[in-house]
Amino acid sequence: MNHQPAISTLTLQHRIPDDWAADPWAEVRPLIDGADVLQEVHPEGLALSCDHWKGPAESWPLAVTEEPRRIMITEPTCTAGCCGALYVTMRREGDQVIWDAWENTSDITAVPMDFRFDAAQYEAELARAAADRSWEEPVDTIARLLEQTLVDSAWFERWGCVLTSVSPRREEPDLPEAFTSPEGVDVAFRQAWGPNEPADHYGFELFVTRDQSVEEQVRQLADHILADDPRKTAEILQR
């Protein structure tokens, strides 16, 4: 009797890590048949954050084609070279998606079993997770909408600059108020020099509040940045 390989179900869960200093955005955590099987073999690892799920579907971290693709599916908060990471090779075969050829470069060398997913369910879950905003806190929504406003404005390009990141800044847990920054949004950009020329780096440290609507705060923060040459009002981060 021929036994068909079991078909698993992929669920992607947004989660703000306890240690979010390495990436302030929520990680997009893969659960397989409802279980966090990656946690068992790489407990220090974080999945790639939702900041990597922008753009077209083929650029998403878990996107698959018929050509096998090896990806780092969880990484430590330091670097993969320091504490090791978990890798998997994924590909599409007909109406199935296969995860196999696992590699664990951390101190724990165990790896998950190989998995097969129904391709239609798999791709629908990737699309759902990429569009999911239900996990967002107000600071996340403000950061996301502010970034979109700044990109659409092409304001930095007007001044010969490149917008490099817009990210939420969360309050540090378990720290006295005197030692932590209020909740807010960090905006970073740089001078657009040539590839072999040094570039000045700039940043805005913006603050948010729970007393105003998200939309009003996005408008106010955008107006502050777009009022003048951003290099005049931003802090110089690196020269």
C-alpha atoms as a PDB file:
ATOM      1  CA  MET A   1       0.000   0.000   0.000  1.00  0.00           C
ATOM      2  CA  ASN A   2       1.316   3.439  -0.973  1.00  0.00           C
ATOM      3  CA  HIS A   3       1.120   6.041   1.771  1.00  0.00           C
ATOM      4  CA  GLN A   4       0.811   9.639   0.672  1.00  0.00           C
ATOM      5  CA  PRO A   5       2.967  12.124   2.622  1.00  0.00           C
ATOM      6  CA  ALA A   6       1.001  14.093   5.186  1.00  0.00           C
ATOM      7  CA  ILE A   7      -0.063  17.590   4.169  1.00  0.00           C
ATOM      8  CA  SER A   8       0.489  20.239   6.833  1.00  0.00           C
ATOM      9  CA  THR A   9      -1.201  23.598   7.316  1.00  0.00           C
ATOM     10  CA  LEU A  10       0.803  26.813   7.533  1.00  0.00           C
ATOM     11  CA  THR A  11      -0.355  29.664   9.761  1.00  0.00           C
ATOM     12  CA  LEU A  12       1.564  32.937   9.976  1.00  0.00           C
ATOM     13  CA  GLN A  13       1.303  34.830  13.256  1.00  0.00           C
ATOM     14  CA  HIS A  14       2.481  38.383  13.881  1.00  0.00           C
ATOM     15  CA  ARG A  15       4.249  38.744  17.215  1.00  0.00           C
ATOM     16  CA  ILE A  16       6.106  41.644  18.773  1.00  0.00           C
ATOM     17  CA  PRO A  17       9.233  40.032  20.282  1.00  0.00           C
ATOM     18  CA  ASP A  18      10.120  40.516  23.926  1.00  0.00           C
ATOM     19  CA  ASP A  19      13.517  41.711  22.729  1.00  0.00           C
ATOM     20  CA  TRP A  20      12.595  43.945  19.821  1.00  0.00           C
ATOM     21  CA  ALA A  21      15.758  46.079  19.828  1.00  0.00           C
ATOM     22  CA  ALA A  22      17.166  44.207  16.822  1.00  0.00           C
ATOM     23  CA  ASP A  23      14.021  44.905  14.772  1.00  0.00           C
ATOM     24  CA  PRO A  24      11.148  46.970  16.163  1.00  0.00           C
ATOM     25  CA  TRP A  25       8.594  45.528  13.767  1.00  0.00           C
ATOM     26  CA  ALA A  26       6.586  42.401  14.597  1.00  0.00           C
ATOM     27  CA  GLU A  27       8.059  39.133  13.410  1.00  0.00           C
ATOM     28  CA  VAL A  28       5.902  36.974  11.135  1.00  0.00           C
ATOM     29  CA  ARG A  29       6.105  33.641  12.914  1.00  0.00           C
ATOM     30  CA  PRO A  30       5.352  30.411  10.979  1.00  0.00           C
ATOM     31  CA  LEU A  31       3.241  27.866  12.831  1.00  0.00           C
ATOM     32  CA  ILE A  32       2.880  24.411  11.318  1.00  0.00           C
ATOM     33  CA  ASP A  33      -0.294  22.520  12.168  1.00  0.00           C
ATOM     34  CA  GLY A  34      -0.720  25.017  14.993  1.00  0.00           C
ATOM     35  CA  ALA A  35       2.688  24.294  16.575  1.00  0.00           C
ATOM     36  CA  ASP A  36       5.751  26.525  16.733  1.00  0.00           C
ATOM     37  CA  VAL A  37       8.102  23.767  15.591  1.00  0.00           C
ATOM     38  CA  LEU A  38      10.930  26.236  14.972  1.00  0.00           C
ATOM     39  CA  GLN A  39      10.941  27.296  18.621  1.00  0.00           C
ATOM     40  CA  GLU A  40      11.785  23.736  19.628  1.00  0.00           C
ATOM     41  CA  VAL A  41      15.051  23.640  17.658  1.00  0.00           C
ATOM     42  CA  HIS A  42      16.045  27.324  17.592  1.00  0.00           C
ATOM     43  CA  PRO A  43      14.574  28.920  20.735  1.00  0.00           C
ATOM     44  CA  GLU A  44      16.615  32.125  20.402  1.00  0.00           C
ATOM     45  CA  GLY A  45      15.588  32.685  16.811  1.00  0.00           C
ATOM     46  CA  LEU A  46      13.246  35.336  15.447  1.00  0.00           C
ATOM     47  CA  ALA A  47      11.425  35.040  12.144  1.00  0.00           C
ATOM     48  CA  LEU A  48      11.907  37.848   9.651  1.00  0.00           C
ATOM     49  CA  SER A  49       9.801  40.871  10.538  1.00  0.00           C
ATOM     50  CA  CYS A  50       6.795  42.186   8.659  1.00  0.00           C
ATOM     51  CA  ASP A  51       9.064  44.922   7.306  1.00  0.00           C
ATOM     52  CA  HIS A  52      10.343  42.223   4.917  1.00  0.00           C
ATOM     53  CA  TRP A  53       6.808  41.489   3.675  1.00  0.00           C
ATOM     54  CA  LYS A  54       6.445  44.676   1.639  1.00  0.00           C
ATOM     55  CA  GLY A  55       6.450  44.728  -2.118  1.00  0.00           C
ATOM     56  CA  PRO A  56       5.363  42.097  -4.644  1.00  0.00           C
ATOM     57  CA  ALA A  57       4.500  38.543  -3.600  1.00  0.00           C
ATOM     58  CA  GLU A  58       7.624  37.064  -5.177  1.00  0.00           C
ATOM     59  CA  SER A  59       9.764  39.110  -2.780  1.00  0.00           C
ATOM     60  CA  TRP A  60       8.108  37.838   0.435  1.00  0.00           C
ATOM     61  CA  PRO A  61      10.433  35.786   2.672  1.00  0.00           C
ATOM     62  CA  LEU A  62       8.476  32.528   2.311  1.00  0.00           C
ATOM     63  CA  ALA A  63       7.623  32.873  -1.385  1.00  0.00           C
ATOM     64  CA  VAL A  64       8.324  29.725  -3.402  1.00  0.00           C
ATOM     65  CA  THR A  65       8.898  28.759  -7.027  1.00  0.00           C
ATOM     66  CA  GLU A  66       9.790  25.480  -8.706  1.00  0.00           C
ATOM     67  CA  GLU A  67      13.435  26.473  -8.260  1.00  0.00           C
ATOM     68  CA  PRO A  68      14.598  25.459  -4.719  1.00  0.00           C
ATOM     69  CA  ARG A  69      15.443  28.412  -2.504  1.00  0.00           C
ATOM     70  CA  ARG A  70      17.436  28.226   0.742  1.00  0.00           C
ATOM     71  CA  ILE A  71      16.402  30.858   3.279  1.00  0.00           C
ATOM     72  CA  MET A  72      17.272  31.776   6.839  1.00  0.00           C
ATOM     73  CA  ILE A  73      13.905  31.161   8.482  1.00  0.00           C
ATOM     74  CA  THR A  74      14.888  32.253  12.007  1.00  0.00           C
ATOM     75  CA  GLU A  75      17.858  34.316  13.146  1.00  0.00           C
ATOM     76  CA  PRO A  76      19.218  35.443  16.514  1.00  0.00           C
ATOM     77  CA  THR A  77      19.006  39.027  17.747  1.00  0.00           C
ATOM     78  CA  CYS A  78      22.781  39.345  17.264  1.00  0.00           C
ATOM     79  CA  THR A  79      23.997  37.751  14.010  1.00  0.00           C
ATOM     80  CA  ALA A  80      23.829  34.329  12.420  1.00  0.00           C
ATOM     81  CA  GLY A  81      27.618  34.195  12.487  1.00  0.00           C
ATOM     82  CA  CYS A  82      27.628  34.763  16.236  1.00  0.00           C
ATOM     83  CA  CYS A  83      24.880  32.501  17.581  1.00  0.00           C
ATOM     84  CA  GLY A  84      23.753  30.498  14.572  1.00  0.00           C
ATOM     85  CA  ALA A  85      20.534  30.473  12.579  1.00  0.00           C
ATOM     86  CA  LEU A  86      17.988  28.021  11.192  1.00  0.00           C
ATOM     87  CA  TYR A  87      17.820  27.478   7.438  1.00  0.00           C
ATOM     88  CA  VAL A  88      15.384  25.608   5.218  1.00  0.00           C
ATOM     89  CA  THR A  89      15.117  24.925   1.497  1.00  0.00           C
ATOM     90  CA  MET A  90      11.665  25.481   0.021  1.00  0.00           C
ATOM     91  CA  ARG A  91      10.220  24.828  -3.403  1.00  0.00           C
ATOM     92  CA  ARG A  92       6.948  24.150  -5.191  1.00  0.00           C
ATOM     93  CA  GLU A  93       6.239  20.759  -6.763  1.00  0.00           C
ATOM     94  CA  GLY A  94       2.958  20.737  -8.628  1.00  0.00           C
ATOM     95  CA  ASP A  95       0.177  21.493  -6.158  1.00  0.00           C
ATOM     96  CA  GLN A  96       2.424  21.157  -3.110  1.00  0.00           C
ATOM     97  CA  VAL A  97       5.043  23.271  -1.337  1.00  0.00           C
ATOM     98  CA  ILE A  98       7.949  21.404   0.273  1.00  0.00           C
ATOM     99  CA  TRP A  99      10.214  22.507   3.110  1.00  0.00           C
ATOM    100  CA  ASP A 100      13.260  20.263   3.566  1.00  0.00           C
ATOM    101  CA  ALA A 101      17.087  20.206   3.730  1.00  0.00           C
ATOM    102  CA  TRP A 102      17.055  21.948   7.114  1.00  0.00           C
ATOM    103  CA  GLU A 103      20.292  23.294   8.607  1.00  0.00           C
ATOM    104  CA  ASN A 104      20.759  24.497  12.175  1.00  0.00           C
ATOM    105  CA  THR A 105      24.020  26.362  12.801  1.00  0.00           C
ATOM    106  CA  SER A 106      23.309  27.123  16.474  1.00  0.00           C
ATOM    107  CA  ASP A 107      24.473  25.143  19.514  1.00  0.00           C
ATOM    108  CA  ILE A 108      21.298  23.059  19.225  1.00  0.00           C
ATOM    109  CA  THR A 109      21.827  20.996  16.090  1.00  0.00           C
ATOM    110  CA  ALA A 110      18.357  19.402  15.969  1.00  0.00           C
ATOM    111  CA  VAL A 111      16.163  20.319  12.995  1.00  0.00           C
ATOM    112  CA  PRO A 112      12.441  19.981  12.259  1.00  0.00           C
ATOM    113  CA  MET A 113      11.075  17.234  10.082  1.00  0.00           C
ATOM    114  CA  ASP A 114      10.361  17.876   6.412  1.00  0.00           C
ATOM    115  CA  PHE A 115       6.952  19.374   5.626  1.00  0.00           C
ATOM    116  CA  ARG A 116       4.557  19.441   2.705  1.00  0.00           C
ATOM    117  CA  PHE A 117       1.814  22.037   2.298  1.00  0.00           C
ATOM    118  CA  ASP A 118      -1.091  22.395  -0.077  1.00  0.00           C
ATOM    119  CA  ALA A 119       0.144  25.138  -2.423  1.00  0.00           C
ATOM    120  CA  ALA A 120      -3.210  26.938  -2.622  1.00  0.00           C
ATOM    121  CA  GLN A 121      -3.561  27.109   1.174  1.00  0.00           C
ATOM    122  CA  TYR A 122       0.092  28.089   1.530  1.00  0.00           C
ATOM    123  CA  GLU A 123      -0.051  30.961  -0.940  1.00  0.00           C
ATOM    124  CA  ALA A 124      -3.375  32.200   0.434  1.00  0.00           C
ATOM    125  CA  GLU A 125      -1.867  32.313   3.931  1.00  0.00           C
ATOM    126  CA  LEU A 126       1.135  34.303   2.686  1.00  0.00           C
ATOM    127  CA  ALA A 127      -1.197  36.835   1.067  1.00  0.00           C
ATOM    128  CA  ARG A 128      -3.376  37.057   4.188  1.00  0.00           C
ATOM    129  CA  ALA A 129      -0.390  37.647   6.465  1.00  0.00           C
ATOM    130  CA  ALA A 130       1.144  40.275   4.176  1.00  0.00           C
ATOM    131  CA  ALA A 131      -2.118  42.253   4.326  1.00  0.00           C
ATOM    132  CA  ASP A 132      -2.819  41.660   8.045  1.00  0.00           C
ATOM    133  CA  ARG A 133      -2.909  44.844  10.146  1.00  0.00           C
ATOM    134  CA  SER A 134      -4.902  43.478  13.089  1.00  0.00           C
ATOM    135  CA  TRP A 135      -1.770  43.051  15.236  1.00  0.00           C
ATOM    136  CA  GLU A 136      -0.719  46.695  14.971  1.00  0.00           C
ATOM    137  CA  GLU A 137      -0.534  49.017  17.930  1.00  0.00           C
ATOM    138  CA  PRO A 138      -1.101  52.748  17.211  1.00  0.00           C
ATOM    139  CA  VAL A 139       2.649  53.382  16.977  1.00  0.00           C
ATOM    140  CA  ASP A 140       2.959  50.688  14.286  1.00  0.00           C
ATOM    141  CA  THR A 141       0.100  52.149  12.257  1.00  0.00           C
ATOM    142  CA  ILE A 142       1.548  55.650  12.516  1.00  0.00           C
ATOM    143  CA  ALA A 143       4.981  54.433  11.369  1.00  0.00           C
ATOM    144  CA  ARG A 144       3.501  52.515   8.432  1.00  0.00           C
ATOM    145  CA  LEU A 145       1.261  55.359   7.244  1.00  0.00           C
ATOM    146  CA  LEU A 146       3.969  57.977   7.741  1.00  0.00           C
ATOM    147  CA  GLU A 147       6.400  55.956   5.639  1.00  0.00           C
ATOM    148  CA  GLN A 148       3.820  55.685   2.860  1.00  0.00           C
ATOM    149  CA  THR A 149       3.177  59.434   3.017  1.00  0.00           C
ATOM    150  CA  LEU A 150       6.884  60.240   2.802  1.00  0.00           C
ATOM    151  CA  VAL A 151       7.490  57.791  -0.050  1.00  0.00           C
ATOM    152  CA  ASP A 152       4.537  59.154  -2.042  1.00  0.00           C
ATOM    153  CA  SER A 153       5.729  62.738  -1.519  1.00  0.00           C
ATOM    154  CA  ALA A 154       9.190  62.111  -3.077  1.00  0.00           C
ATOM    155  CA  TRP A 155      10.306  64.870  -0.685  1.00  0.00           C
ATOM    156  CA  PHE A 156      13.710  63.379   0.143  1.00  0.00           C
ATOM    157  CA  GLU A 157      14.573  62.936  -3.523  1.00  0.00           C
ATOM    158  CA  ARG A 158      13.882  66.639  -4.038  1.00  0.00           C
ATOM    159  CA  TRP A 159      16.731  67.429  -1.629  1.00  0.00           C
ATOM    160  CA  GLY A 160      19.122  64.840  -3.008  1.00  0.00           C
ATOM    161  CA  CYS A 161      18.455  62.342  -0.195  1.00  0.00           C
ATOM    162  CA  VAL A 162      17.233  58.755   0.169  1.00  0.00           C
ATOM    163  CA  LEU A 163      14.714  57.640   2.800  1.00  0.00           C
ATOM    164  CA  THR A 164      16.232  54.515   4.390  1.00  0.00           C
ATOM    165  CA  SER A 165      13.791  53.523   7.146  1.00  0.00           C
ATOM    166  CA  VAL A 166      10.703  54.483   9.124  1.00  0.00           C
ATOM    167  CA  SER A 167      10.152  52.366  12.220  1.00  0.00           C
ATOM    168  CA  PRO A 168       8.171  52.352  15.465  1.00  0.00           C
ATOM    169  CA  ARG A 169       9.980  53.073  18.712  1.00  0.00           C
ATOM    170  CA  ARG A 170       8.462  51.284  21.676  1.00  0.00           C
ATOM    171  CA  GLU A 171       8.819  52.114  25.325  1.00  0.00           C
ATOM    172  CA  GLU A 172      11.496  50.016  26.979  1.00  0.00           C
ATOM    173  CA  PRO A 173       9.842  47.565  29.382  1.00  0.00           C
ATOM    174  CA  ASP A 174      10.907  47.378  33.027  1.00  0.00           C
ATOM    175  CA  LEU A 175      12.989  50.563  32.918  1.00  0.00           C
ATOM    176  CA  PRO A 176      12.473  53.687  35.051  1.00  0.00           C
ATOM    177  CA  GLU A 177      10.854  56.505  33.095  1.00  0.00           C
ATOM    178  CA  ALA A 178      14.031  58.617  33.352  1.00  0.00           C
ATOM    179  CA  PHE A 179      15.991  55.990  31.370  1.00  0.00           C
ATOM    180  CA  THR A 180      13.591  55.355  28.501  1.00  0.00           C
ATOM    181  CA  SER A 181      12.414  57.375  25.508  1.00  0.00           C
ATOM    182  CA  PRO A 182       8.705  57.972  25.003  1.00  0.00           C
ATOM    183  CA  GLU A 183       6.920  55.927  22.367  1.00  0.00           C
ATOM    184  CA  GLY A 184       7.430  57.266  18.886  1.00  0.00           C
ATOM    185  CA  VAL A 185       8.652  56.838  15.328  1.00  0.00           C
ATOM    186  CA  ASP A 186      12.225  56.992  14.014  1.00  0.00           C
ATOM    187  CA  VAL A 187      12.849  58.230  10.479  1.00  0.00           C
ATOM    188  CA  ALA A 188      16.278  57.735   8.914  1.00  0.00           C
ATOM    189  CA  PHE A 189      17.620  59.058   5.616  1.00  0.00           C
ATOM    190  CA  ARG A 190      20.947  59.745   3.966  1.00  0.00           C
ATOM    191  CA  GLN A 191      22.510  62.014   1.395  1.00  0.00           C
ATOM    192  CA  ALA A 192      22.354  60.424  -2.051  1.00  0.00           C
ATOM    193  CA  TRP A 193      26.028  60.497  -3.014  1.00  0.00           C
ATOM    194  CA  GLY A 194      27.735  58.145  -5.446  1.00  0.00           C
ATOM    195  CA  PRO A 195      28.547  54.522  -4.525  1.00  0.00           C
ATOM    196  CA  ASN A 196      32.166  55.293  -3.614  1.00  0.00           C
ATOM    197  CA  GLU A 197      31.543  58.589  -1.851  1.00  0.00           C
ATOM    198  CA  PRO A 198      30.815  59.068   1.854  1.00  0.00           C
ATOM    199  CA  ALA A 199      27.205  59.890   2.686  1.00  0.00           C
ATOM    200  CA  ASP A 200      25.863  61.884   5.599  1.00  0.00           C
ATOM    201  CA  HIS A 201      23.157  60.066   7.576  1.00  0.00           C
ATOM    202  CA  TYR A 202      20.294  61.875   9.294  1.00  0.00           C
ATOM    203  CA  GLY A 203      17.385  60.988  11.531  1.00  0.00           C
ATOM    204  CA  PHE A 204      14.198  62.287  13.109  1.00  0.00           C
ATOM    205  CA  GLU A 205      13.166  61.092  16.571  1.00  0.00           C
ATOM    206  CA  LEU A 206       9.423  61.743  16.579  1.00  0.00           C
ATOM    207  CA  PHE A 207       6.961  61.263  19.421  1.00  0.00           C
ATOM    208  CA  VAL A 208       3.416  59.910  19.426  1.00  0.00           C
ATOM    209  CA  THR A 209       0.581  60.146  21.893  1.00  0.00           C
ATOM    210  CA  ARG A 210      -2.514  58.150  22.834  1.00  0.00           C
ATOM    211  CA  ASP A 211      -4.583  61.351  22.981  1.00  0.00           C
ATOM    212  CA  GLN A 212      -4.846  62.034  19.231  1.00  0.00           C
ATOM    213  CA  SER A 213      -6.082  59.956  16.342  1.00  0.00           C
ATOM    214  CA  VAL A 214      -3.588  58.045  14.251  1.00  0.00           C
ATOM    215  CA  GLU A 215      -4.535  59.999  11.130  1.00  0.00           C
ATOM    216  CA  GLU A 216      -4.041  63.391  12.812  1.00  0.00           C
ATOM    217  CA  GLN A 217      -0.638  62.396  14.150  1.00  0.00           C
ATOM    218  CA  VAL A 218       0.509  61.120  10.759  1.00  0.00           C
ATOM    219  CA  ARG A 219      -0.511  64.445   9.213  1.00  0.00           C
ATOM    220  CA  GLN A 220       1.299  66.472  11.879  1.00  0.00           C
ATOM    221  CA  LEU A 221       4.491  64.415  11.698  1.00  0.00           C
ATOM    222  CA  ALA A 222       4.525  64.529   7.908  1.00  0.00           C
ATOM    223  CA  ASP A 223       3.949  68.304   7.931  1.00  0.00           C
ATOM    224  CA  HIS A 224       6.918  68.705  10.293  1.00  0.00           C
ATOM    225  CA  ILE A 225       9.249  66.794   7.970  1.00  0.00           C
ATOM    226  CA  LEU A 226       7.919  68.232   4.710  1.00  0.00           C
ATOM    227  CA  ALA A 227       8.028  71.862   5.823  1.00  0.00           C
ATOM    228  CA  ASP A 228      11.654  72.447   4.820  1.00  0.00           C
ATOM    229  CA  ASP A 229      14.871  70.837   3.652  1.00  0.00           C
ATOM    230  CA  PRO A 230      14.950  67.799   5.998  1.00  0.00           C
ATOM    231  CA  ARG A 231      18.707  68.134   6.476  1.00  0.00           C
ATOM    232  CA  LYS A 232      18.106  71.399   8.343  1.00  0.00           C
ATOM    233  CA  THR A 233      15.758  69.950  10.969  1.00  0.00           C
ATOM    234  CA  ALA A 234      16.990  66.361  11.358  1.00  0.00           C
ATOM    235  CA  GLU A 235      19.765  65.175  13.637  1.00  0.00           C
ATOM    236  CA  ILE A 236      23.047  64.167  11.989  1.00  0.00           C
ATOM    237  CA  LEU A 237      23.601  60.492  12.836  1.00  0.00           C
ATOM    238  CA  GLN A 238      26.815  59.874  10.915  1.00  0.00           C
ATOM    239  CA  ARG A 239      29.160  62.032   8.893  1.00  0.00           C
END
